[in-house]
C-alpha atoms as a PDB file:
ATOM      1  CA  CYS A   1      79.114   7.984  17.753  1.00  0.00           C
ATOM      2  CA  VAL A   2      78.248  11.679  18.007  1.00  0.00           C
ATOM      3  CA  ALA A   3      74.589  11.820  16.933  1.00  0.00           C
ATOM      4  CA  PRO A   4      73.539   8.896  19.179  1.00  0.00           C
ATOM      5  CA  LEU A   5      75.391  10.430  22.143  1.00  0.00           C
ATOM      6  CA  LEU A   6      73.563  13.713  21.612  1.00  0.00           C
ATOM      7  CA  ALA A   7      70.224  11.927  21.259  1.00  0.00           C
ATOM      8  CA  ALA A   8      70.644   9.548  24.213  1.00  0.00           C
ATOM      9  CA  ARG A   9      68.323   9.943  27.175  1.00  0.00           C
ATOM     10  CA  ARG A  10      71.353   9.617  29.452  1.00  0.00           C
ATOM     11  CA  VAL A  11      75.083   9.151  28.897  1.00  0.00           C
ATOM     12  CA  TYR A  12      76.903   7.243  31.628  1.00  0.00           C
ATOM     13  CA  SER A  13      80.682   7.063  31.877  1.00  0.00           C
ATOM     14  CA  ILE A  14      82.187   4.154  33.798  1.00  0.00           C
ATOM     15  CA  GLY A  15      85.826   3.644  34.731  1.00  0.00           C
ATOM     16  CA  VAL A  16      87.558   2.552  37.923  1.00  0.00           C
ATOM     17  CA  ARG A  17      91.088   2.614  39.260  1.00  0.00           C
ATOM     18  CA  SER A  18      93.361   4.401  36.750  1.00  0.00           C
ATOM     19  CA  CYS A  19      90.473   4.782  34.275  1.00  0.00           C
ATOM     20  CA  TYR A  20      88.329   6.630  36.828  1.00  0.00           C
ATOM     21  CA  GLY A  21      90.045   9.910  35.922  1.00  0.00           C
ATOM     22  CA  VAL A  22      89.149   9.515  32.242  1.00  0.00           C
ATOM     23  CA  ALA A  23      85.537   8.630  33.044  1.00  0.00           C
ATOM     24  CA  HIS A  24      85.249  11.532  35.494  1.00  0.00           C
ATOM     25  CA  TYR A  25      86.728  14.006  33.020  1.00  0.00           C
ATOM     26  CA  PHE A  26      84.315  12.859  30.295  1.00  0.00           C
ATOM     27  CA  SER A  27      81.236  13.159  32.500  1.00  0.00           C
ATOM     28  CA  TYR A  28      82.327  16.411  34.171  1.00  0.00           C
ATOM     29  CA  VAL A  29      83.123  18.286  30.965  1.00  0.00           C
ATOM     30  CA  GLY A  30      80.224  16.617  29.138  1.00  0.00           C
ATOM     31  CA  GLY A  31      77.915  17.654  31.975  1.00  0.00           C
ATOM     32  CA  MET A  32      78.887  21.302  31.439  1.00  0.00           C
ATOM     33  CA  ALA A  33      77.852  21.184  27.793  1.00  0.00           C
ATOM     34  CA  PHE A  34      75.032  18.628  27.692  1.00  0.00           C
ATOM     35  CA  ASP A  35      71.983  17.961  29.861  1.00  0.00           C
ATOM     36  CA  ASN A  36      72.058  14.180  29.404  1.00  0.00           C
ATOM     37  CA  PHE A  37      75.415  13.370  31.043  1.00  0.00           C
ATOM     38  CA  VAL A  38      75.317  11.514  34.359  1.00  0.00           C
ATOM     39  CA  GLN A  39      77.964  12.061  37.028  1.00  0.00           C
ATOM     40  CA  VAL A  40      80.455   9.209  37.412  1.00  0.00           C
ATOM     41  CA  PRO A  41      79.669   7.071  40.460  1.00  0.00           C
ATOM     42  CA  SER A  42      82.354   7.152  43.128  1.00  0.00           C
ATOM     43  CA  MET A  43      80.797   5.365  46.104  1.00  0.00           C
ATOM     44  CA  PRO A  44      81.166   1.614  46.580  1.00  0.00           C
ATOM     45  CA  GLY A  45      78.308  -0.183  44.848  1.00  0.00           C
ATOM     46  CA  ALA A  46      77.171   2.960  43.051  1.00  0.00           C
ATOM     47  CA  ILE A  47      78.046   1.661  39.576  1.00  0.00           C
ATOM     48  CA  ILE A  48      75.452  -1.104  39.735  1.00  0.00           C
ATOM     49  CA  ASP A  49      73.029   1.286  41.453  1.00  0.00           C
ATOM     50  CA  GLN A  50      73.256   3.596  38.424  1.00  0.00           C
ATOM     51  CA  MET A  51      73.241   0.793  35.879  1.00  0.00           C
ATOM     52  CA  SER A  52      70.011  -0.590  37.345  1.00  0.00           C
ATOM     53  CA  ALA A  53      68.176   2.463  35.959  1.00  0.00           C
ATOM     54  CA  LEU A  54      69.393   2.004  32.364  1.00  0.00           C
ATOM     55  CA  THR A  55      66.989   1.855  29.426  1.00  0.00           C
ATOM     56  CA  GLU A  56      67.415   1.170  25.732  1.00  0.00           C
ATOM     57  CA  GLU A  57      67.608   4.959  25.231  1.00  0.00           C
ATOM     58  CA  ASP A  58      70.863   5.232  27.210  1.00  0.00           C
ATOM     59  CA  ILE A  59      74.540   4.916  26.300  1.00  0.00           C
ATOM     60  CA  VAL A  60      77.288   3.678  28.600  1.00  0.00           C
ATOM     61  CA  ILE A  61      80.844   4.781  27.878  1.00  0.00           C
ATOM     62  CA  ALA A  62      82.955   2.015  29.438  1.00  0.00           C
ATOM     63  CA  ILE A  63      86.695   2.434  29.916  1.00  0.00           C
ATOM     64  CA  THR A  64      89.029  -0.399  30.909  1.00  0.00           C
ATOM     65  CA  TYR A  65      92.103  -2.218  29.678  1.00  0.00           C
ATOM     66  CA  GLU A  66      94.005  -5.378  30.578  1.00  0.00           C
ATOM     67  CA  HIS A  67      93.679  -6.320  33.523  1.00  0.00           C
ATOM     68  CA  TYR A  68      90.009  -5.592  32.920  1.00  0.00           C
ATOM     69  CA  SER A  69      88.139  -4.170  35.891  1.00  0.00           C
ATOM     70  CA  ALA A  70      85.416  -6.512  37.087  1.00  0.00           C
ATOM     71  CA  GLU A  71      83.147  -3.582  37.977  1.00  0.00           C
ATOM     72  CA  VAL A  72      83.299  -2.165  34.452  1.00  0.00           C
ATOM     73  CA  VAL A  73      82.806  -5.582  32.843  1.00  0.00           C
ATOM     74  CA  ARG A  74      79.759  -6.178  35.068  1.00  0.00           C
ATOM     75  CA  ALA A  75      78.364  -2.699  34.299  1.00  0.00           C
ATOM     76  CA  CYS A  76      78.552  -3.509  30.578  1.00  0.00           C
ATOM     77  CA  GLN A  77      76.717  -6.775  31.194  1.00  0.00           C
ATOM     78  CA  VAL A  78      73.935  -4.925  33.004  1.00  0.00           C
ATOM     79  CA  ALA A  79      73.815  -2.315  30.231  1.00  0.00           C
ATOM     80  CA  ARG A  80      73.466  -4.952  27.515  1.00  0.00           C
ATOM     81  CA  GLU A  81      70.747  -6.733  29.500  1.00  0.00           C
ATOM     82  CA  ALA A  82      68.848  -3.427  29.738  1.00  0.00           C
ATOM     83  CA  GLY A  83      69.189  -2.849  25.993  1.00  0.00           C
ATOM     84  CA  ALA A  84      71.445   0.193  26.441  1.00  0.00           C
ATOM     85  CA  LYS A  85      74.254   0.855  23.990  1.00  0.00           C
ATOM     86  CA  VAL A  86      77.837   0.292  25.176  1.00  0.00           C
ATOM     87  CA  LEU A  87      80.662   2.360  23.721  1.00  0.00           C
ATOM     88  CA  ALA A  88      83.805   0.476  24.760  1.00  0.00           C
ATOM     89  CA  LEU A  89      87.061   2.396  25.117  1.00  0.00           C
ATOM     90  CA  THR A  90      89.561  -0.407  25.545  1.00  0.00           C
ATOM     91  CA  ASP A  91      92.870  -1.856  24.403  1.00  0.00           C
ATOM     92  CA  SER A  92      91.636  -4.836  22.386  1.00  0.00           C
ATOM     93  CA  TYR A  93      88.724  -6.027  20.300  1.00  0.00           C
ATOM     94  CA  GLN A  94      88.888  -9.177  22.451  1.00  0.00           C
ATOM     95  CA  SER A  95      88.360  -7.152  25.649  1.00  0.00           C
ATOM     96  CA  PRO A  96      85.386  -8.385  27.707  1.00  0.00           C
ATOM     97  CA  ILE A  97      83.710  -4.978  27.298  1.00  0.00           C
ATOM     98  CA  ALA A  98      84.142  -5.096  23.507  1.00  0.00           C
ATOM     99  CA  VAL A  99      82.077  -8.264  23.256  1.00  0.00           C
ATOM    100  CA  GLY A 100      78.531  -7.218  22.389  1.00  0.00           C
ATOM    101  CA  ALA A 101      79.395  -3.515  22.446  1.00  0.00           C
ATOM    102  CA  TRP A 102      77.577  -1.099  20.152  1.00  0.00           C
ATOM    103  CA  LYS A 103      80.905   0.522  19.207  1.00  0.00           C
ATOM    104  CA  VAL A 104      84.504  -0.230  20.150  1.00  0.00           C
ATOM    105  CA  LEU A 105      87.232   2.389  20.098  1.00  0.00           C
ATOM    106  CA  ARG A 106      90.494   0.499  20.464  1.00  0.00           C
ATOM    107  CA  LEU A 107      93.012   2.567  22.365  1.00  0.00           C
ATOM    108  CA  PRO A 108      96.701   1.722  22.093  1.00  0.00           C
ATOM    109  CA  MET A 109      98.173   1.896  25.596  1.00  0.00           C
ATOM    110  CA  ALA A 110     101.539   0.168  25.259  1.00  0.00           C
ATOM    111  CA  GLY A 111     104.833   2.008  25.449  1.00  0.00           C
ATOM    112  CA  PRO A 112     108.035   2.328  27.401  1.00  0.00           C
ATOM    113  CA  GLN A 113     106.313   3.731  30.499  1.00  0.00           C
ATOM    114  CA  LEU A 114     105.840   1.714  33.679  1.00  0.00           C
ATOM    115  CA  MET A 115     102.035   1.518  33.441  1.00  0.00           C
ATOM    116  CA  PRO A 116      99.759   1.515  30.380  1.00  0.00           C
ATOM    117  CA  SER A 117      99.340   5.049  29.029  1.00  0.00           C
ATOM    118  CA  LEU A 118      95.926   6.698  29.288  1.00  0.00           C
ATOM    119  CA  THR A 119      96.879   9.468  26.863  1.00  0.00           C
ATOM    120  CA  THR A 120      94.871   7.970  24.000  1.00  0.00           C
ATOM    121  CA  ALA A 121      91.849   7.561  26.282  1.00  0.00           C
ATOM    122  CA  PHE A 122      91.934  11.241  27.282  1.00  0.00           C
ATOM    123  CA  ILE A 123      92.420  12.323  23.659  1.00  0.00           C
ATOM    124  CA  THR A 124      89.515  10.118  22.574  1.00  0.00           C
ATOM    125  CA  VAL A 125      87.059  11.565  25.097  1.00  0.00           C
ATOM    126  CA  GLU A 126      88.208  15.098  24.253  1.00  0.00           C
ATOM    127  CA  LEU A 127      87.622  14.425  20.546  1.00  0.00           C
ATOM    128  CA  LEU A 128      84.168  12.961  21.263  1.00  0.00           C
ATOM    129  CA  LEU A 129      83.243  16.011  23.342  1.00  0.00           C
ATOM    130  CA  ALA A 130      84.589  18.413  20.699  1.00  0.00           C
ATOM    131  CA  ALA A 131      82.632  16.663  17.948  1.00  0.00           C
ATOM    132  CA  MET A 132      79.469  16.708  20.069  1.00  0.00           C
ATOM    133  CA  THR A 133      79.922  20.398  20.868  1.00  0.00           C
ATOM    134  CA  ALA A 134      80.369  21.191  17.173  1.00  0.00           C
ATOM    135  CA  LYS A 135      76.996  19.529  16.423  1.00  0.00           C
ATOM    136  CA  ASP A 136      75.011  21.155  19.256  1.00  0.00           C
ATOM    137  CA  ALA A 137      74.468  24.908  18.924  1.00  0.00           C
ATOM    138  CA  ARG A 138      73.505  25.208  22.613  1.00  0.00           C
ATOM    139  CA  ALA A 139      76.627  23.520  24.035  1.00  0.00           C
ATOM    140  CA  ALA A 140      78.824  26.634  24.084  1.00  0.00           C
ATOM    141  CA  LYS A 141      76.073  28.621  25.821  1.00  0.00           C
ATOM    142  CA  ARG A 142      75.677  25.887  28.470  1.00  0.00           C
ATOM    143  CA  ILE A 143      79.428  25.873  29.134  1.00  0.00           C
ATOM    144  CA  SER A 144      79.489  29.657  29.396  1.00  0.00           C
ATOM    145  CA  GLY A 145      76.544  29.607  31.800  1.00  0.00           C
ATOM    146  CA  PHE A 146      78.207  26.908  33.910  1.00  0.00           C
ATOM    147  CA  GLU A 147      81.446  28.889  34.161  1.00  0.00           C
ATOM    148  CA  SER A 148      79.556  32.103  34.954  1.00  0.00           C
ATOM    149  CA  ARG A 149      77.741  30.396  37.833  1.00  0.00           C
ATOM    150  CA  ILE A 150      81.009  29.007  39.218  1.00  0.00           C
ATOM    151  CA  MET A 151      82.625  32.465  38.985  1.00  0.00           C
ATOM    152  CA  GLU A 152      79.597  34.112  40.613  1.00  0.00           C
ATOM    153  CA  HIS A 153      79.790  31.766  43.587  1.00  0.00           C
ATOM    154  CA  GLY A 154      83.541  32.128  44.095  1.00  0.00           C
ATOM    155  CA  GLY A 155      84.633  28.845  42.537  1.00  0.00           C
ATOM    156  CA  TYR A 156      87.229  30.601  40.397  1.00  0.00           C
ATOM    157  CA  VAL A 157      89.824  33.130  41.526  1.00  0.00           C
ATOM    158  CA  GLN A 158      89.790  36.313  39.502  1.00  0.00           C
ATOM    159  CA  LYS A 159      93.091  37.848  38.384  1.00  0.00           C
END
């Protein structure tokens, strides 16, 4: 998955409800290191607004599990219609977002906890970002520049 993600015109990350945090983390950290990451939409209707601009040069990282979010399923439909690649992070190869996806990373989410665990989803996006950073010599410099700008403008508290 790494080389295509680095080469994509834009990388979109879509997740809602409990998966929103995973999608946001992926796009936020990815946006520090790479110029082609798009911020996760958070306004009502914004997912389809963003998806309407997709091209065959784009990749959509879609994150959902049973009960599959209608917004994410629809975003994948729009992505496929536009010819964009869909990387599905989901709990089953029979998931609606896995159907027709470019790649499927099946994430086990079952366990003794009350709700499905998102631990594997967070680990997966961290591993993708680490692998991408290892392949892009400029990523560390972009992250350093980002953090320097935040520090300069008072976004971090100095010890």
